[in-house]
PDB file of N, CA and C in Angstrom:
ATOM      1  N   MET A   1     -72.900 -15.635-107.324  1.00  0.00           N
ATOM      2  CA  MET A   1     -73.965 -15.666-108.303  1.00  0.00           C
ATOM      3  C   MET A   1     -75.057 -16.659-107.887  1.00  0.00           C
ATOM      4  N   ARG A   2     -74.632 -17.758-107.317  1.00  0.00           N
ATOM      5  CA  ARG A   2     -75.586 -18.798-106.936  1.00  0.00           C
ATOM      6  C   ARG A   2     -76.540 -18.313-105.857  1.00  0.00           C
ATOM      7  N   GLU A   3     -76.040 -17.523-104.907  1.00  0.00           N
ATOM      8  CA  GLU A   3     -76.876 -17.064-103.800  1.00  0.00           C
ATOM      9  C   GLU A   3     -77.730 -15.859-104.160  1.00  0.00           C
ATOM     10  N   GLY A   4     -77.564 -15.320-105.355  1.00  0.00           N
ATOM     11  CA  GLY A   4     -78.340 -14.162-105.770  1.00  0.00           C
ATOM     12  C   GLY A   4     -77.781 -12.842-105.276  1.00  0.00           C
ATOM     13  N   LEU A   5     -76.557 -12.862-104.734  1.00  0.00           N
ATOM     14  CA  LEU A   5     -75.929 -11.628-104.284  1.00  0.00           C
ATOM     15  C   LEU A   5     -75.433 -10.842-105.487  1.00  0.00           C
ATOM     16  N   SER A   6     -75.491  -9.517-105.407  1.00  0.00           N
ATOM     17  CA  SER A   6     -74.987  -8.722-106.519  1.00  0.00           C
ATOM     18  C   SER A   6     -73.463  -8.780-106.532  1.00  0.00           C
ATOM     19  N   LEU A   7     -72.907  -8.749-107.731  1.00  0.00           N
ATOM     20  CA  LEU A   7     -71.458  -8.776-107.888  1.00  0.00           C
ATOM     21  C   LEU A   7     -70.920  -7.361-107.701  1.00  0.00           C
ATOM     22  N   GLU A   8     -69.782  -7.252-107.043  1.00  0.00           N
ATOM     23  CA  GLU A   8     -69.208  -5.945-106.747  1.00  0.00           C
ATOM     24  C   GLU A   8     -68.881  -5.184-108.029  1.00  0.00           C
ATOM     25  N   GLU A   9     -69.284  -3.931-108.075  1.00  0.00           N
ATOM     26  CA  GLU A   9     -69.102  -3.089-109.252  1.00  0.00           C
ATOM     27  C   GLU A   9     -67.622  -2.864-109.558  1.00  0.00           C
ATOM     28  N   GLY A  10     -67.278  -2.918-110.853  1.00  0.00           N
ATOM     29  CA  GLY A  10     -65.924  -2.626-111.293  1.00  0.00           C
ATOM     30  C   GLY A  10     -64.948  -3.778-111.179  1.00  0.00           C
ATOM     31  N   ARG A  11     -65.417  -4.959-110.831  1.00  0.00           N
ATOM     32  CA  ARG A  11     -64.548  -6.130-110.685  1.00  0.00           C
ATOM     33  C   ARG A  11     -64.540  -6.964-111.961  1.00  0.00           C
ATOM     34  N   PHE A  12     -63.458  -7.736-112.120  1.00  0.00           N
ATOM     35  CA  PHE A  12     -63.315  -8.648-113.257  1.00  0.00           C
ATOM     36  C   PHE A  12     -63.648 -10.059-112.782  1.00  0.00           C
ATOM     37  N   PHE A  13     -64.483 -10.758-113.528  1.00  0.00           N
ATOM     38  CA  PHE A  13     -64.886 -12.123-113.195  1.00  0.00           C
ATOM     39  C   PHE A  13     -64.682 -13.030-114.399  1.00  0.00           C
ATOM     40  N   VAL A  14     -64.465 -14.302-114.121  1.00  0.00           N
ATOM     41  CA  VAL A  14     -64.352 -15.318-115.163  1.00  0.00           C
ATOM     42  C   VAL A  14     -65.372 -16.401-114.843  1.00  0.00           C
ATOM     43  N   LEU A  15     -66.096 -16.848-115.851  1.00  0.00           N
ATOM     44  CA  LEU A  15     -67.024 -17.951-115.650  1.00  0.00           C
ATOM     45  C   LEU A  15     -66.971 -18.887-116.836  1.00  0.00           C
ATOM     46  N   GLU A  16     -67.424 -20.100-116.623  1.00  0.00           N
ATOM     47  CA  GLU A  16     -67.496 -21.089-117.689  1.00  0.00           C
ATOM     48  C   GLU A  16     -68.953 -21.335-118.008  1.00  0.00           C
ATOM     49  N   ASP A  17     -69.273 -21.398-119.294  1.00  0.00           N
ATOM     50  CA  ASP A  17     -70.641 -21.620-119.741  1.00  0.00           C
ATOM     51  C   ASP A  17     -71.213 -22.919-119.168  1.00  0.00           C
ATOM     52  N   GLN A  18     -70.383 -23.937-119.023  1.00  0.00           N
ATOM     53  CA  GLN A  18     -70.864 -25.236-118.556  1.00  0.00           C
ATOM     54  C   GLN A  18     -71.258 -25.239-117.068  1.00  0.00           C
ATOM     55  N   TRP A  19     -71.012 -24.156-116.345  1.00  0.00           N
ATOM     56  CA  TRP A  19     -71.423 -24.109-114.942  1.00  0.00           C
ATOM     57  C   TRP A  19     -72.934 -24.211-114.804  1.00  0.00           C
ATOM     58  N   SER A  20     -73.674 -23.868-115.877  1.00  0.00           N
ATOM     59  CA  SER A  20     -75.138 -23.966-115.820  1.00  0.00           C
ATOM     60  C   SER A  20     -75.627 -25.380-116.137  1.00  0.00           C
ATOM     61  N   THR A  21     -74.722 -26.249-116.584  1.00  0.00           N
ATOM     62  CA  THR A  21     -75.128 -27.623-116.895  1.00  0.00           C
ATOM     63  C   THR A  21     -74.361 -28.651-116.071  1.00  0.00           C
ATOM     64  N   LYS A  22     -73.041 -28.545-116.058  1.00  0.00           N
ATOM     65  CA  LYS A  22     -72.210 -29.505-115.328  1.00  0.00           C
ATOM     66  C   LYS A  22     -71.861 -29.030-113.930  1.00  0.00           C
ATOM     67  N   GLY A  23     -72.007 -27.734-113.686  1.00  0.00           N
ATOM     68  CA  GLY A  23     -71.711 -27.170-112.381  1.00  0.00           C
ATOM     69  C   GLY A  23     -70.281 -26.676-112.247  1.00  0.00           C
ATOM     70  N   ALA A  24     -70.032 -26.030-111.131  1.00  0.00           N
ATOM     71  CA  ALA A  24     -68.719 -25.476-110.809  1.00  0.00           C
ATOM     72  C   ALA A  24     -68.298 -25.993-109.443  1.00  0.00           C
ATOM     73  N   GLN A  25     -67.012 -26.199-109.264  1.00  0.00           N
ATOM     74  CA  GLN A  25     -66.500 -26.657-107.971  1.00  0.00           C
ATOM     75  C   GLN A  25     -66.542 -25.496-106.990  1.00  0.00           C
ATOM     76  N   GLU A  26     -67.237 -25.660-105.902  1.00  0.00           N
ATOM     77  CA  GLU A  26     -67.304 -24.628-104.869  1.00  0.00           C
ATOM     78  C   GLU A  26     -66.928 -25.272-103.540  1.00  0.00           C
ATOM     79  N   PHE A  27     -65.666 -25.113-103.174  1.00  0.00           N
ATOM     80  CA  PHE A  27     -65.168 -25.734-101.951  1.00  0.00           C
ATOM     81  C   PHE A  27     -65.789 -25.062-100.737  1.00  0.00           C
ATOM     82  N   PRO A  28     -66.229 -25.705 -99.739  1.00  0.00           N
ATOM     83  CA  PRO A  28     -66.258 -27.146 -99.496  1.00  0.00           C
ATOM     84  C   PRO A  28     -67.588 -27.794 -99.883  1.00  0.00           C
ATOM     85  N   LEU A  29     -68.424 -27.068-100.617  1.00  0.00           N
ATOM     86  CA  LEU A  29     -69.765 -27.567-100.935  1.00  0.00           C
ATOM     87  C   LEU A  29     -69.789 -28.620-102.034  1.00  0.00           C
ATOM     88  N   GLY A  30     -68.714 -28.741-102.789  1.00  0.00           N
ATOM     89  CA  GLY A  30     -68.705 -29.670-103.919  1.00  0.00           C
ATOM     90  C   GLY A  30     -69.133 -28.962-105.186  1.00  0.00           C
ATOM     91  N   VAL A  31     -69.704 -29.692-106.118  1.00  0.00           N
ATOM     92  CA  VAL A  31     -70.114 -29.135-107.405  1.00  0.00           C
ATOM     93  C   VAL A  31     -71.496 -28.492-107.274  1.00  0.00           C
ATOM     94  N   VAL A  32     -71.597 -27.242-107.729  1.00  0.00           N
ATOM     95  CA  VAL A  32     -72.856 -26.509-107.671  1.00  0.00           C
ATOM     96  C   VAL A  32     -73.232 -26.048-109.066  1.00  0.00           C
ATOM     97  N   VAL A  33     -74.469 -26.275-109.455  1.00  0.00           N
ATOM     98  CA  VAL A  33     -74.963 -25.834-110.758  1.00  0.00           C
ATOM     99  C   VAL A  33     -75.588 -24.451-110.581  1.00  0.00           C
ATOM    100  N   ILE A  34     -75.209 -23.537-111.463  1.00  0.00           N
ATOM    101  CA  ILE A  34     -75.723 -22.162-111.407  1.00  0.00           C
ATOM    102  C   ILE A  34     -76.801 -22.021-112.478  1.00  0.00           C
ATOM    103  N   ASP A  35     -77.915 -21.448-112.098  1.00  0.00           N
ATOM    104  CA  ASP A  35     -79.032 -21.243-113.019  1.00  0.00           C
ATOM    105  C   ASP A  35     -78.568 -20.432-114.237  1.00  0.00           C
ATOM    106  N   GLY A  36     -78.836 -20.947-115.427  1.00  0.00           N
ATOM    107  CA  GLY A  36     -78.420 -20.293-116.668  1.00  0.00           C
ATOM    108  C   GLY A  36     -78.962 -18.884-116.803  1.00  0.00           C
ATOM    109  N   GLN A  37     -80.165 -18.645-116.293  1.00  0.00           N
ATOM    110  CA  GLN A  37     -80.748 -17.300-116.368  1.00  0.00           C
ATOM    111  C   GLN A  37     -79.963 -16.319-115.503  1.00  0.00           C
ATOM    112  N   LYS A  38     -79.448 -16.766-114.363  1.00  0.00           N
ATOM    113  CA  LYS A  38     -78.632 -15.892-113.510  1.00  0.00           C
ATOM    114  C   LYS A  38     -77.343 -15.503-114.223  1.00  0.00           C
ATOM    115  N   ILE A  39     -76.778 -16.449-114.965  1.00  0.00           N
ATOM    116  CA  ILE A  39     -75.572 -16.143-115.742  1.00  0.00           C
ATOM    117  C   ILE A  39     -75.899 -15.115-116.819  1.00  0.00           C
ATOM    118  N   LYS A  40     -76.991 -15.319-117.548  1.00  0.00           N
ATOM    119  CA  LYS A  40     -77.398 -14.378-118.603  1.00  0.00           C
ATOM    120  C   LYS A  40     -77.664 -12.994-118.026  1.00  0.00           C
ATOM    121  N   ASP A  41     -78.342 -12.947-116.881  1.00  0.00           N
ATOM    122  CA  ASP A  41     -78.636 -11.654-116.246  1.00  0.00           C
ATOM    123  C   ASP A  41     -77.362 -10.929-115.843  1.00  0.00           C
ATOM    124  N   ALA A  42     -76.417 -11.664-115.249  1.00  0.00           N
ATOM    125  CA  ALA A  42     -75.152 -11.051-114.830  1.00  0.00           C
ATOM    126  C   ALA A  42     -74.393 -10.504-116.035  1.00  0.00           C
ATOM    127  N   LEU A  43     -74.371 -11.267-117.135  1.00  0.00           N
ATOM    128  CA  LEU A  43     -73.657 -10.810-118.330  1.00  0.00           C
ATOM    129  C   LEU A  43     -74.345  -9.621-118.988  1.00  0.00           C
ATOM    130  N   SER A  44     -75.678  -9.591-118.949  1.00  0.00           N
ATOM    131  CA  SER A  44     -76.395  -8.470-119.578  1.00  0.00           C
ATOM    132  C   SER A  44     -76.177  -7.168-118.815  1.00  0.00           C
ATOM    133  N   GLU A  45     -75.809  -7.271-117.537  1.00  0.00           N
ATOM    134  CA  GLU A  45     -75.553  -6.082-116.717  1.00  0.00           C
ATOM    135  C   GLU A  45     -74.070  -5.774-116.605  1.00  0.00           C
ATOM    136  N   SER A  46     -73.248  -6.414-117.445  1.00  0.00           N
ATOM    137  CA  SER A  46     -71.796  -6.274-117.373  1.00  0.00           C
ATOM    138  C   SER A  46     -71.221  -5.955-118.742  1.00  0.00           C
ATOM    139  N   SER A  47     -69.921  -5.739-118.765  1.00  0.00           N
ATOM    140  CA  SER A  47     -69.201  -5.558-120.023  1.00  0.00           C
ATOM    141  C   SER A  47     -68.376  -6.819-120.259  1.00  0.00           C
ATOM    142  N   VAL A  48     -68.750  -7.568-121.283  1.00  0.00           N
ATOM    143  CA  VAL A  48     -68.010  -8.787-121.615  1.00  0.00           C
ATOM    144  C   VAL A  48     -66.737  -8.377-122.340  1.00  0.00           C
ATOM    145  N   VAL A  49     -65.585  -8.845-121.845  1.00  0.00           N
ATOM    146  CA  VAL A  49     -64.315  -8.456-122.438  1.00  0.00           C
ATOM    147  C   VAL A  49     -63.611  -9.612-123.138  1.00  0.00           C
ATOM    148  N   TYR A  50     -64.080 -10.833-122.909  1.00  0.00           N
ATOM    149  CA  TYR A  50     -63.433 -11.991-123.536  1.00  0.00           C
ATOM    150  C   TYR A  50     -64.401 -13.161-123.585  1.00  0.00           C
ATOM    151  N   ILE A  51     -64.441 -13.849-124.721  1.00  0.00           N
ATOM    152  CA  ILE A  51     -65.146 -15.121-124.859  1.00  0.00           C
ATOM    153  C   ILE A  51     -64.231 -16.028-125.653  1.00  0.00           C
ATOM    154  N   GLY A  52     -63.943 -17.204-125.122  1.00  0.00           N
ATOM    155  CA  GLY A  52     -63.074 -18.149-125.821  1.00  0.00           C
ATOM    156  C   GLY A  52     -63.502 -19.570-125.553  1.00  0.00           C
ATOM    157  N   GLY A  53     -63.102 -20.471-126.431  1.00  0.00           N
ATOM    158  CA  GLY A  53     -63.433 -21.882-126.253  1.00  0.00           C
ATOM    159  C   GLY A  53     -64.441 -22.349-127.282  1.00  0.00           C
ATOM    160  N   SER A  54     -64.753 -23.621-127.211  1.00  0.00           N
ATOM    161  CA  SER A  54     -65.706 -24.190-128.155  1.00  0.00           C
ATOM    162  C   SER A  54     -67.136 -23.921-127.698  1.00  0.00           C
ATOM    163  N   LEU A  55     -68.080 -23.963-128.635  1.00  0.00           N
ATOM    164  CA  LEU A  55     -69.483 -23.683-128.372  1.00  0.00           C
ATOM    165  C   LEU A  55     -70.009 -24.583-127.254  1.00  0.00           C
ATOM    166  N   GLY A  56     -70.628 -23.996-126.249  1.00  0.00           N
ATOM    167  CA  GLY A  56     -71.155 -24.731-125.114  1.00  0.00           C
ATOM    168  C   GLY A  56     -70.141 -24.958-124.009  1.00  0.00           C
ATOM    169  N   ASP A  57     -68.895 -24.598-124.273  1.00  0.00           N
ATOM    170  CA  ASP A  57     -67.832 -24.790-123.281  1.00  0.00           C
ATOM    171  C   ASP A  57     -66.950 -23.539-123.226  1.00  0.00           C
ATOM    172  N   GLU A  58     -67.591 -22.387-123.409  1.00  0.00           N
ATOM    173  CA  GLU A  58     -66.850 -21.132-123.451  1.00  0.00           C
ATOM    174  C   GLU A  58     -66.399 -20.696-122.061  1.00  0.00           C
ATOM    175  N   ILE A  59     -65.318 -19.969-122.063  1.00  0.00           N
ATOM    176  CA  ILE A  59     -64.864 -19.241-120.876  1.00  0.00           C
ATOM    177  C   ILE A  59     -65.136 -17.778-121.176  1.00  0.00           C
ATOM    178  N   ILE A  60     -65.767 -17.099-120.239  1.00  0.00           N
ATOM    179  CA  ILE A  60     -66.190 -15.716-120.457  1.00  0.00           C
ATOM    180  C   ILE A  60     -65.567 -14.845-119.375  1.00  0.00           C
ATOM    181  N   GLY A  61     -64.908 -13.774-119.793  1.00  0.00           N
ATOM    182  CA  GLY A  61     -64.370 -12.786-118.872  1.00  0.00           C
ATOM    183  C   GLY A  61     -65.220 -11.531-118.963  1.00  0.00           C
ATOM    184  N   PHE A  62     -65.606 -10.993-117.823  1.00  0.00           N
ATOM    185  CA  PHE A  62     -66.437  -9.783-117.848  1.00  0.00           C
ATOM    186  C   PHE A  62     -66.152  -8.893-116.646  1.00  0.00           C
ATOM    187  N   THR A  63     -66.442  -7.611-116.811  1.00  0.00           N
ATOM    188  CA  THR A  63     -66.337  -6.656-115.712  1.00  0.00           C
ATOM    189  C   THR A  63     -67.727  -6.151-115.385  1.00  0.00           C
ATOM    190  N   THR A  64     -67.982  -5.954-114.115  1.00  0.00           N
ATOM    191  CA  THR A  64     -69.293  -5.455-113.700  1.00  0.00           C
ATOM    192  C   THR A  64     -69.339  -3.945-113.825  1.00  0.00           C
ATOM    193  N   ARG A  65     -70.539  -3.440-114.068  1.00  0.00           N
ATOM    194  CA  ARG A  65     -70.740  -1.983-114.192  1.00  0.00           C
ATOM    195  C   ARG A  65     -71.425  -1.464-112.967  1.00  0.00           C
TER     196      ARG A  65
END
């Protein structure tokens, strides 16, 4: 998602909402922050199947279309 590559169709992905603020661990690069708009765009083009957690710290499961 960070590099702007399209996600493979029909796959299941999990992301954390805080990756757009606190970042995500990406070995060996360390912590990388993902642009919030890229997350929104990916979710708008996918089928969200799960959202859980507290507001601002959600875990989201989605499948790509």
